[in-house]
Amino acid sequence: MNQPSLAALAGNALLLHIVRETVARGEEVWVAVTGDSMAPTFHGGDRILLGPSGARPVLTSVVLFEHGGRPILHRVVRVNPASVVTRGDACHLEDPWEIRDAPIARAIAVHDATGVAALEWTHRFGWSALARYIVRLLSVGPRLLWRRGNSALQRSASARHI
């Protein structure tokens, strides 16, 4: 496993501080994405609009949290009574940790080469951004729900057949 450099750790800490301070005031902030763990929803270089996360994340929402000093922006795939489980859209397995604290922020929209697309059900960015959200959700949704052994839907379906 690659260990982050001191400069990367300092950059991560600054980014997390800025996002925490901004969303604590009820405001939103655009940040650049690095990495492709959330492909095809967004890719490295895309910009994500982050806003306050609220007390409890919602299933399928994309949230920002800190793990090991690094900012992680992944989708909520399971909500437990005391924690949530996340996974990157491009990942086959759930993240090996559970988030017990409230996420730092939630992703509201993505700005990529095609323009702005909502990451939640809203027409705030216009109807075309909402349409792009629906297309993205349809392309990612089946993979979220039917990944081998990782889906709450699969587990509940299996329980009904026992």
N, C-alpha and C. Protein backbone atom coordinates (compact mmCIF):
# COMPACT_ATOMS: atom_id res chain seq x y z
N MET A 1 0.84 -1.18 0.00
CA MET A 1 0.00 0.00 0.00
C MET A 1 0.88 1.24 0.00
N ASN A 2 0.60 2.17 -0.86
CA ASN A 2 1.37 3.40 -0.92
C ASN A 2 1.05 4.29 0.26
N GLN A 3 2.10 4.79 0.90
CA GLN A 3 1.93 5.72 2.00
C GLN A 3 1.94 7.13 1.44
N PRO A 4 1.01 7.98 1.85
CA PRO A 4 0.99 9.35 1.34
C PRO A 4 2.19 10.15 1.83
N SER A 5 2.66 11.05 0.99
CA SER A 5 3.77 11.92 1.37
C SER A 5 3.30 12.94 2.39
N LEU A 6 4.26 13.60 3.02
CA LEU A 6 3.93 14.65 3.98
C LEU A 6 3.15 15.77 3.30
N ALA A 7 3.54 16.12 2.07
CA ALA A 7 2.83 17.16 1.32
C ALA A 7 1.39 16.74 1.04
N ALA A 8 1.20 15.46 0.68
CA ALA A 8 -0.16 14.97 0.42
C ALA A 8 -1.00 15.01 1.69
N LEU A 9 -0.41 14.60 2.82
CA LEU A 9 -1.13 14.63 4.09
C LEU A 9 -1.52 16.06 4.46
N ALA A 10 -0.59 17.01 4.26
CA ALA A 10 -0.88 18.41 4.55
C ALA A 10 -1.98 18.92 3.64
N GLY A 11 -1.94 18.56 2.35
CA GLY A 11 -2.98 18.95 1.41
C GLY A 11 -4.32 18.36 1.77
N ASN A 12 -4.33 17.09 2.19
CA ASN A 12 -5.57 16.44 2.61
C ASN A 12 -6.15 17.13 3.84
N ALA A 13 -5.29 17.44 4.81
CA ALA A 13 -5.75 18.09 6.04
C ALA A 13 -6.33 19.46 5.72
N LEU A 14 -5.69 20.20 4.82
CA LEU A 14 -6.19 21.53 4.45
C LEU A 14 -7.54 21.41 3.73
N LEU A 15 -7.64 20.48 2.80
CA LEU A 15 -8.90 20.28 2.08
C LEU A 15 -10.02 19.92 3.05
N LEU A 16 -9.77 18.98 3.94
CA LEU A 16 -10.79 18.56 4.90
C LEU A 16 -11.19 19.72 5.81
N HIS A 17 -10.21 20.53 6.23
CA HIS A 17 -10.50 21.69 7.07
C HIS A 17 -11.39 22.69 6.33
N ILE A 18 -11.04 22.99 5.09
CA ILE A 18 -11.82 23.96 4.30
C ILE A 18 -13.25 23.46 4.11
N VAL A 19 -13.41 22.19 3.76
CA VAL A 19 -14.75 21.64 3.54
C VAL A 19 -15.54 21.65 4.85
N ARG A 20 -14.92 21.22 5.95
CA ARG A 20 -15.62 21.22 7.25
C ARG A 20 -16.10 22.62 7.62
N GLU A 21 -15.21 23.60 7.50
CA GLU A 21 -15.56 24.98 7.86
C GLU A 21 -16.68 25.53 6.96
N THR A 22 -16.59 25.23 5.67
CA THR A 22 -17.58 25.75 4.72
C THR A 22 -18.96 25.15 4.97
N VAL A 23 -19.04 23.83 5.09
CA VAL A 23 -20.36 23.21 5.27
C VAL A 23 -20.91 23.48 6.67
N ALA A 24 -20.04 23.73 7.65
CA ALA A 24 -20.52 24.08 9.00
C ALA A 24 -21.27 25.41 8.97
N ARG A 25 -20.92 26.29 8.02
CA ARG A 25 -21.64 27.56 7.86
C ARG A 25 -22.88 27.39 6.98
N GLY A 26 -23.16 26.16 6.55
CA GLY A 26 -24.32 25.91 5.69
C GLY A 26 -24.07 26.25 4.23
N GLU A 27 -22.82 26.42 3.87
CA GLU A 27 -22.47 26.79 2.50
C GLU A 27 -21.99 25.57 1.72
N GLU A 28 -21.74 25.78 0.44
CA GLU A 28 -21.29 24.72 -0.46
C GLU A 28 -19.94 25.09 -1.04
N VAL A 29 -19.18 24.09 -1.48
CA VAL A 29 -17.86 24.32 -2.05
C VAL A 29 -17.59 23.30 -3.15
N TRP A 30 -16.98 23.78 -4.25
CA TRP A 30 -16.56 22.89 -5.34
C TRP A 30 -15.15 22.39 -5.05
N VAL A 31 -14.92 21.09 -5.20
CA VAL A 31 -13.58 20.52 -5.03
C VAL A 31 -13.28 19.62 -6.23
N ALA A 32 -11.99 19.51 -6.56
CA ALA A 32 -11.56 18.63 -7.65
C ALA A 32 -11.41 17.21 -7.11
N VAL A 33 -11.76 16.25 -7.95
CA VAL A 33 -11.67 14.84 -7.59
C VAL A 33 -10.34 14.28 -8.07
N THR A 34 -9.73 13.44 -7.26
CA THR A 34 -8.57 12.67 -7.71
C THR A 34 -8.97 11.20 -7.62
N GLY A 35 -8.53 10.40 -8.53
CA GLY A 35 -8.85 8.97 -8.52
C GLY A 35 -10.12 8.66 -9.28
N ASP A 36 -10.30 7.38 -9.56
CA ASP A 36 -11.44 6.92 -10.36
C ASP A 36 -12.29 5.88 -9.65
N SER A 37 -12.27 5.83 -8.33
CA SER A 37 -13.06 4.82 -7.61
C SER A 37 -14.55 5.03 -7.76
N MET A 38 -14.97 6.22 -8.20
CA MET A 38 -16.40 6.50 -8.37
C MET A 38 -16.83 6.49 -9.84
N ALA A 39 -15.96 6.02 -10.74
CA ALA A 39 -16.34 5.92 -12.15
C ALA A 39 -17.49 4.92 -12.27
N PRO A 40 -18.43 5.14 -13.12
CA PRO A 40 -18.55 6.18 -14.13
C PRO A 40 -19.25 7.46 -13.64
N THR A 41 -19.62 7.52 -12.36
CA THR A 41 -20.33 8.69 -11.86
C THR A 41 -19.47 9.94 -11.97
N PHE A 42 -18.22 9.85 -11.56
CA PHE A 42 -17.26 10.92 -11.80
C PHE A 42 -15.86 10.35 -11.81
N HIS A 43 -14.95 11.11 -12.41
CA HIS A 43 -13.58 10.68 -12.63
C HIS A 43 -12.61 11.73 -12.08
N GLY A 44 -11.34 11.34 -11.96
CA GLY A 44 -10.30 12.27 -11.57
C GLY A 44 -10.32 13.49 -12.48
N GLY A 45 -10.25 14.67 -11.90
CA GLY A 45 -10.29 15.91 -12.66
C GLY A 45 -11.66 16.55 -12.68
N ASP A 46 -12.72 15.77 -12.47
CA ASP A 46 -14.07 16.36 -12.38
C ASP A 46 -14.15 17.18 -11.10
N ARG A 47 -15.07 18.12 -11.07
CA ARG A 47 -15.30 18.91 -9.86
C ARG A 47 -16.62 18.51 -9.24
N ILE A 48 -16.64 18.42 -7.92
CA ILE A 48 -17.82 17.99 -7.17
C ILE A 48 -18.25 19.13 -6.25
N LEU A 49 -19.55 19.41 -6.25
CA LEU A 49 -20.11 20.40 -5.34
C LEU A 49 -20.49 19.68 -4.05
N LEU A 50 -19.88 20.10 -2.94
CA LEU A 50 -20.14 19.50 -1.64
C LEU A 50 -20.95 20.46 -0.78
N GLY A 51 -21.87 19.91 0.00
CA GLY A 51 -22.69 20.70 0.89
C GLY A 51 -22.89 19.97 2.20
N PRO A 52 -23.60 20.59 3.14
CA PRO A 52 -23.86 19.95 4.43
C PRO A 52 -24.51 18.58 4.26
N SER A 53 -24.08 17.64 5.09
CA SER A 53 -24.55 16.27 4.92
C SER A 53 -25.81 15.96 5.70
N GLY A 54 -26.15 16.74 6.68
CA GLY A 54 -27.28 16.39 7.52
C GLY A 54 -26.86 15.38 8.56
N ALA A 55 -27.77 15.02 9.42
CA ALA A 55 -27.45 14.14 10.54
C ALA A 55 -27.21 12.70 10.10
N ARG A 56 -27.98 12.22 9.15
CA ARG A 56 -27.92 10.81 8.76
C ARG A 56 -27.89 10.71 7.24
N PRO A 57 -26.86 10.04 6.68
CA PRO A 57 -26.82 9.89 5.23
C PRO A 57 -27.93 8.98 4.71
N VAL A 58 -28.29 9.18 3.48
CA VAL A 58 -29.36 8.43 2.84
C VAL A 58 -28.73 7.38 1.92
N LEU A 59 -29.35 6.22 1.85
CA LEU A 59 -28.90 5.15 0.96
C LEU A 59 -28.76 5.70 -0.46
N THR A 60 -27.69 5.40 -1.13
CA THR A 60 -27.28 5.81 -2.48
C THR A 60 -26.71 7.21 -2.56
N SER A 61 -26.72 8.00 -1.46
CA SER A 61 -26.09 9.32 -1.52
C SER A 61 -24.57 9.15 -1.55
N VAL A 62 -23.89 10.16 -2.09
CA VAL A 62 -22.43 10.17 -2.14
C VAL A 62 -21.96 11.11 -1.05
N VAL A 63 -21.11 10.62 -0.15
CA VAL A 63 -20.69 11.40 1.01
C VAL A 63 -19.17 11.48 1.09
N LEU A 64 -18.71 12.57 1.71
CA LEU A 64 -17.29 12.78 1.98
C LEU A 64 -17.04 12.48 3.44
N PHE A 65 -16.02 11.66 3.70
CA PHE A 65 -15.62 11.37 5.07
C PHE A 65 -14.10 11.23 5.09
N GLU A 66 -13.57 11.17 6.28
CA GLU A 66 -12.12 11.03 6.44
C GLU A 66 -11.81 9.63 6.92
N HIS A 67 -10.82 9.01 6.28
CA HIS A 67 -10.36 7.70 6.74
C HIS A 67 -8.84 7.68 6.64
N GLY A 68 -8.18 7.48 7.76
CA GLY A 68 -6.72 7.45 7.77
C GLY A 68 -6.09 8.75 7.31
N GLY A 69 -6.75 9.87 7.60
CA GLY A 69 -6.22 11.16 7.20
C GLY A 69 -6.50 11.54 5.75
N ARG A 70 -7.18 10.67 5.04
CA ARG A 70 -7.49 10.93 3.63
C ARG A 70 -8.96 11.22 3.43
N PRO A 71 -9.28 12.15 2.53
CA PRO A 71 -10.69 12.36 2.18
C PRO A 71 -11.16 11.24 1.25
N ILE A 72 -12.31 10.67 1.57
CA ILE A 72 -12.90 9.60 0.75
C ILE A 72 -14.29 10.07 0.35
N LEU A 73 -14.59 9.97 -0.94
CA LEU A 73 -15.89 10.37 -1.47
C LEU A 73 -16.51 9.13 -2.13
N HIS A 74 -17.38 8.45 -1.39
CA HIS A 74 -17.99 7.19 -1.86
C HIS A 74 -19.49 7.20 -1.61
N ARG A 75 -20.16 6.23 -2.24
CA ARG A 75 -21.61 6.10 -2.16
C ARG A 75 -22.02 5.26 -0.95
N VAL A 76 -23.09 5.66 -0.28
CA VAL A 76 -23.65 4.90 0.83
C VAL A 76 -24.41 3.71 0.26
N VAL A 77 -23.98 2.49 0.64
CA VAL A 77 -24.63 1.28 0.13
C VAL A 77 -25.40 0.52 1.21
N ARG A 78 -25.15 0.89 2.47
CA ARG A 78 -25.90 0.25 3.56
C ARG A 78 -25.95 1.21 4.74
N VAL A 79 -27.14 1.34 5.32
CA VAL A 79 -27.31 2.18 6.50
C VAL A 79 -27.68 1.26 7.67
N ASN A 80 -26.80 1.20 8.67
CA ASN A 80 -27.02 0.41 9.87
C ASN A 80 -27.48 1.34 10.98
N PRO A 81 -27.98 0.80 12.11
CA PRO A 81 -28.43 1.68 13.19
C PRO A 81 -27.35 2.64 13.70
N ALA A 82 -26.09 2.21 13.77
CA ALA A 82 -25.05 3.06 14.34
C ALA A 82 -23.95 3.43 13.34
N SER A 83 -24.09 3.04 12.07
CA SER A 83 -23.04 3.31 11.10
C SER A 83 -23.59 3.21 9.68
N VAL A 84 -22.75 3.62 8.74
CA VAL A 84 -23.07 3.41 7.33
C VAL A 84 -21.88 2.75 6.65
N VAL A 85 -22.17 2.03 5.59
CA VAL A 85 -21.14 1.35 4.80
C VAL A 85 -21.15 1.99 3.41
N THR A 86 -19.96 2.21 2.88
CA THR A 86 -19.82 2.87 1.59
C THR A 86 -19.05 1.99 0.61
N ARG A 87 -19.11 2.41 -0.66
CA ARG A 87 -18.33 1.73 -1.71
C ARG A 87 -18.20 2.70 -2.86
N GLY A 88 -17.06 2.67 -3.50
CA GLY A 88 -16.89 3.42 -4.74
C GLY A 88 -17.67 2.73 -5.84
N ASP A 89 -18.26 3.50 -6.75
CA ASP A 89 -19.05 2.91 -7.83
C ASP A 89 -18.23 1.96 -8.70
N ALA A 90 -16.93 2.19 -8.82
CA ALA A 90 -16.08 1.34 -9.64
C ALA A 90 -15.53 0.15 -8.86
N CYS A 91 -15.83 0.05 -7.59
CA CYS A 91 -15.29 -1.01 -6.73
C CYS A 91 -16.25 -2.19 -6.65
N HIS A 92 -15.68 -3.37 -6.55
CA HIS A 92 -16.51 -4.58 -6.47
C HIS A 92 -16.94 -4.90 -5.04
N LEU A 93 -16.18 -4.42 -4.07
CA LEU A 93 -16.47 -4.74 -2.68
C LEU A 93 -16.79 -3.47 -1.89
N GLU A 94 -17.54 -3.66 -0.82
CA GLU A 94 -17.79 -2.54 0.09
C GLU A 94 -16.47 -2.11 0.72
N ASP A 95 -16.39 -0.85 1.15
CA ASP A 95 -15.21 -0.39 1.86
C ASP A 95 -15.05 -1.23 3.13
N PRO A 96 -13.79 -1.53 3.53
CA PRO A 96 -13.58 -2.42 4.68
C PRO A 96 -13.80 -1.74 6.04
N TRP A 97 -14.34 -0.55 6.05
CA TRP A 97 -14.62 0.17 7.29
C TRP A 97 -16.07 0.61 7.31
N GLU A 98 -16.56 0.96 8.47
CA GLU A 98 -17.89 1.53 8.61
C GLU A 98 -17.74 2.95 9.15
N ILE A 99 -18.58 3.85 8.68
CA ILE A 99 -18.54 5.24 9.14
C ILE A 99 -19.49 5.35 10.32
N ARG A 100 -18.94 5.69 11.47
CA ARG A 100 -19.76 5.81 12.68
C ARG A 100 -20.15 7.25 12.97
N ASP A 101 -19.36 8.20 12.50
CA ASP A 101 -19.67 9.61 12.68
C ASP A 101 -20.44 10.12 11.48
N ALA A 102 -21.07 11.27 11.63
CA ALA A 102 -21.75 11.88 10.49
C ALA A 102 -20.70 12.22 9.42
N PRO A 103 -21.02 12.02 8.14
CA PRO A 103 -20.07 12.39 7.09
C PRO A 103 -19.77 13.89 7.14
N ILE A 104 -18.63 14.26 6.59
CA ILE A 104 -18.23 15.66 6.56
C ILE A 104 -19.15 16.45 5.64
N ALA A 105 -19.49 15.87 4.50
CA ALA A 105 -20.31 16.57 3.50
C ALA A 105 -20.99 15.55 2.59
N ARG A 106 -21.95 16.04 1.80
CA ARG A 106 -22.58 15.19 0.80
C ARG A 106 -22.33 15.81 -0.57
N ALA A 107 -22.20 14.98 -1.58
CA ALA A 107 -22.01 15.45 -2.94
C ALA A 107 -23.36 15.83 -3.53
N ILE A 108 -23.43 17.01 -4.12
CA ILE A 108 -24.67 17.54 -4.66
C ILE A 108 -24.70 17.48 -6.18
N ALA A 109 -23.54 17.78 -6.79
CA ALA A 109 -23.46 17.81 -8.26
C ALA A 109 -22.04 17.55 -8.71
N VAL A 110 -21.90 17.15 -9.97
CA VAL A 110 -20.60 16.94 -10.58
C VAL A 110 -20.52 17.82 -11.82
N HIS A 111 -19.36 18.43 -12.04
CA HIS A 111 -19.11 19.21 -13.25
C HIS A 111 -17.99 18.50 -14.01
N ASP A 112 -18.34 17.95 -15.16
CA ASP A 112 -17.35 17.25 -15.98
C ASP A 112 -17.36 17.84 -17.38
N ALA A 113 -16.77 17.15 -18.33
CA ALA A 113 -16.67 17.67 -19.70
C ALA A 113 -18.03 17.88 -20.36
N THR A 114 -19.06 17.19 -19.88
CA THR A 114 -20.39 17.33 -20.49
C THR A 114 -21.22 18.42 -19.84
N GLY A 115 -20.73 19.00 -18.74
CA GLY A 115 -21.47 20.04 -18.03
C GLY A 115 -21.76 19.61 -16.61
N VAL A 116 -22.80 20.18 -16.02
CA VAL A 116 -23.17 19.88 -14.64
C VAL A 116 -24.24 18.80 -14.63
N ALA A 117 -24.06 17.83 -13.75
CA ALA A 117 -25.09 16.80 -13.53
C ALA A 117 -25.37 16.76 -12.03
N ALA A 118 -26.63 16.69 -11.68
CA ALA A 118 -27.01 16.56 -10.28
C ALA A 118 -26.58 15.19 -9.77
N LEU A 119 -26.31 15.10 -8.48
CA LEU A 119 -26.02 13.81 -7.85
C LEU A 119 -27.10 13.45 -6.84
N GLU A 120 -28.20 14.18 -6.90
CA GLU A 120 -29.37 13.90 -6.09
C GLU A 120 -30.58 14.41 -6.86
N TRP A 121 -31.75 14.02 -6.43
CA TRP A 121 -32.98 14.36 -7.15
C TRP A 121 -33.30 15.84 -6.97
N THR A 122 -32.91 16.67 -7.95
CA THR A 122 -33.19 18.10 -7.91
C THR A 122 -33.14 18.67 -9.32
N HIS A 123 -33.91 19.71 -9.56
CA HIS A 123 -33.80 20.42 -10.84
C HIS A 123 -33.13 21.78 -10.63
N ARG A 124 -32.46 21.93 -9.51
CA ARG A 124 -31.75 23.16 -9.16
C ARG A 124 -30.76 23.60 -10.24
N PHE A 125 -30.15 22.65 -10.93
CA PHE A 125 -29.14 22.95 -11.95
C PHE A 125 -29.74 22.89 -13.35
N GLY A 126 -31.04 22.81 -13.44
CA GLY A 126 -31.73 22.74 -14.72
C GLY A 126 -32.18 21.32 -15.02
N TRP A 127 -33.10 21.23 -15.96
CA TRP A 127 -33.68 19.93 -16.30
C TRP A 127 -32.67 19.00 -16.97
N SER A 128 -31.73 19.56 -17.75
CA SER A 128 -30.75 18.69 -18.40
C SER A 128 -29.81 18.07 -17.36
N ALA A 129 -29.48 18.81 -16.29
CA ALA A 129 -28.65 18.25 -15.22
C ALA A 129 -29.40 17.14 -14.49
N LEU A 130 -30.71 17.31 -14.30
CA LEU A 130 -31.52 16.26 -13.68
C LEU A 130 -31.58 15.04 -14.58
N ALA A 131 -31.72 15.26 -15.89
CA ALA A 131 -31.74 14.14 -16.84
C ALA A 131 -30.41 13.38 -16.79
N ARG A 132 -29.28 14.10 -16.71
CA ARG A 132 -27.97 13.43 -16.61
C ARG A 132 -27.88 12.64 -15.31
N TYR A 133 -28.47 13.15 -14.22
CA TYR A 133 -28.50 12.42 -12.96
C TYR A 133 -29.25 11.09 -13.14
N ILE A 134 -30.39 11.15 -13.79
CA ILE A 134 -31.20 9.94 -14.00
C ILE A 134 -30.44 8.93 -14.83
N VAL A 135 -29.79 9.38 -15.90
CA VAL A 135 -28.99 8.48 -16.75
C VAL A 135 -27.87 7.86 -15.94
N ARG A 136 -27.16 8.67 -15.15
CA ARG A 136 -26.07 8.14 -14.32
C ARG A 136 -26.59 7.15 -13.30
N LEU A 137 -27.71 7.47 -12.68
CA LEU A 137 -28.28 6.57 -11.68
C LEU A 137 -28.69 5.24 -12.32
N LEU A 138 -29.26 5.29 -13.51
CA LEU A 138 -29.65 4.06 -14.19
C LEU A 138 -28.43 3.23 -14.58
N SER A 139 -27.32 3.90 -14.92
CA SER A 139 -26.12 3.15 -15.30
C SER A 139 -25.42 2.56 -14.09
N VAL A 140 -25.50 3.23 -12.94
CA VAL A 140 -24.83 2.76 -11.73
C VAL A 140 -25.76 1.92 -10.87
N GLY A 141 -27.04 2.23 -10.85
CA GLY A 141 -28.00 1.59 -9.97
C GLY A 141 -27.98 0.08 -9.97
N PRO A 142 -28.07 -0.58 -11.13
CA PRO A 142 -28.07 -2.04 -11.11
C PRO A 142 -26.82 -2.63 -10.48
N ARG A 143 -25.67 -1.99 -10.71
CA ARG A 143 -24.44 -2.49 -10.10
C ARG A 143 -24.46 -2.29 -8.60
N LEU A 144 -25.08 -1.21 -8.13
CA LEU A 144 -25.16 -1.00 -6.68
C LEU A 144 -26.03 -2.06 -6.03
N LEU A 145 -27.11 -2.42 -6.69
CA LEU A 145 -28.08 -3.32 -6.08
C LEU A 145 -27.73 -4.80 -6.24
N TRP A 146 -26.99 -5.16 -7.25
CA TRP A 146 -26.80 -6.57 -7.53
C TRP A 146 -25.36 -7.04 -7.51
N ARG A 147 -24.46 -6.33 -6.85
CA ARG A 147 -23.09 -6.81 -6.70
C ARG A 147 -23.10 -8.07 -5.85
N ARG A 148 -22.27 -9.03 -6.22
CA ARG A 148 -22.23 -10.30 -5.51
C ARG A 148 -21.98 -10.13 -4.02
N GLY A 149 -22.91 -10.58 -3.22
CA GLY A 149 -22.73 -10.66 -1.78
C GLY A 149 -22.62 -9.34 -1.04
N ASN A 150 -22.82 -8.22 -1.72
CA ASN A 150 -22.62 -6.94 -1.05
C ASN A 150 -23.89 -6.14 -0.91
N SER A 151 -24.97 -6.60 -1.45
CA SER A 151 -26.16 -5.78 -1.50
C SER A 151 -27.14 -6.11 -0.39
N ALA A 152 -27.63 -5.07 0.24
CA ALA A 152 -28.68 -5.26 1.25
C ALA A 152 -29.90 -5.87 0.59
N LEU A 153 -30.17 -5.48 -0.66
CA LEU A 153 -31.30 -6.04 -1.39
C LEU A 153 -31.12 -7.53 -1.60
N GLN A 154 -29.91 -7.96 -1.98
CA GLN A 154 -29.65 -9.39 -2.15
C GLN A 154 -29.81 -10.12 -0.83
N ARG A 155 -29.27 -9.53 0.25
CA ARG A 155 -29.37 -10.21 1.55
C ARG A 155 -30.82 -10.37 1.97
N SER A 156 -31.62 -9.33 1.76
CA SER A 156 -33.02 -9.44 2.16
C SER A 156 -33.76 -10.42 1.26
N ALA A 157 -33.43 -10.46 -0.04
CA ALA A 157 -34.06 -11.40 -0.95
C ALA A 157 -33.69 -12.84 -0.55
N SER A 158 -32.42 -13.04 -0.16
CA SER A 158 -32.00 -14.37 0.27
C SER A 158 -32.71 -14.78 1.54
N ALA A 159 -32.90 -13.84 2.45
CA ALA A 159 -33.58 -14.14 3.71
C ALA A 159 -35.02 -14.57 3.48
N ARG A 160 -35.66 -13.98 2.47
CA ARG A 160 -37.06 -14.33 2.19
C ARG A 160 -37.18 -15.76 1.64
N HIS A 161 -36.09 -16.26 1.04
CA HIS A 161 -36.16 -17.59 0.43
C HIS A 161 -35.67 -18.69 1.36
N ILE A 162 -35.33 -18.37 2.59
CA ILE A 162 -34.85 -19.37 3.54
C ILE A 162 -36.01 -20.02 4.23
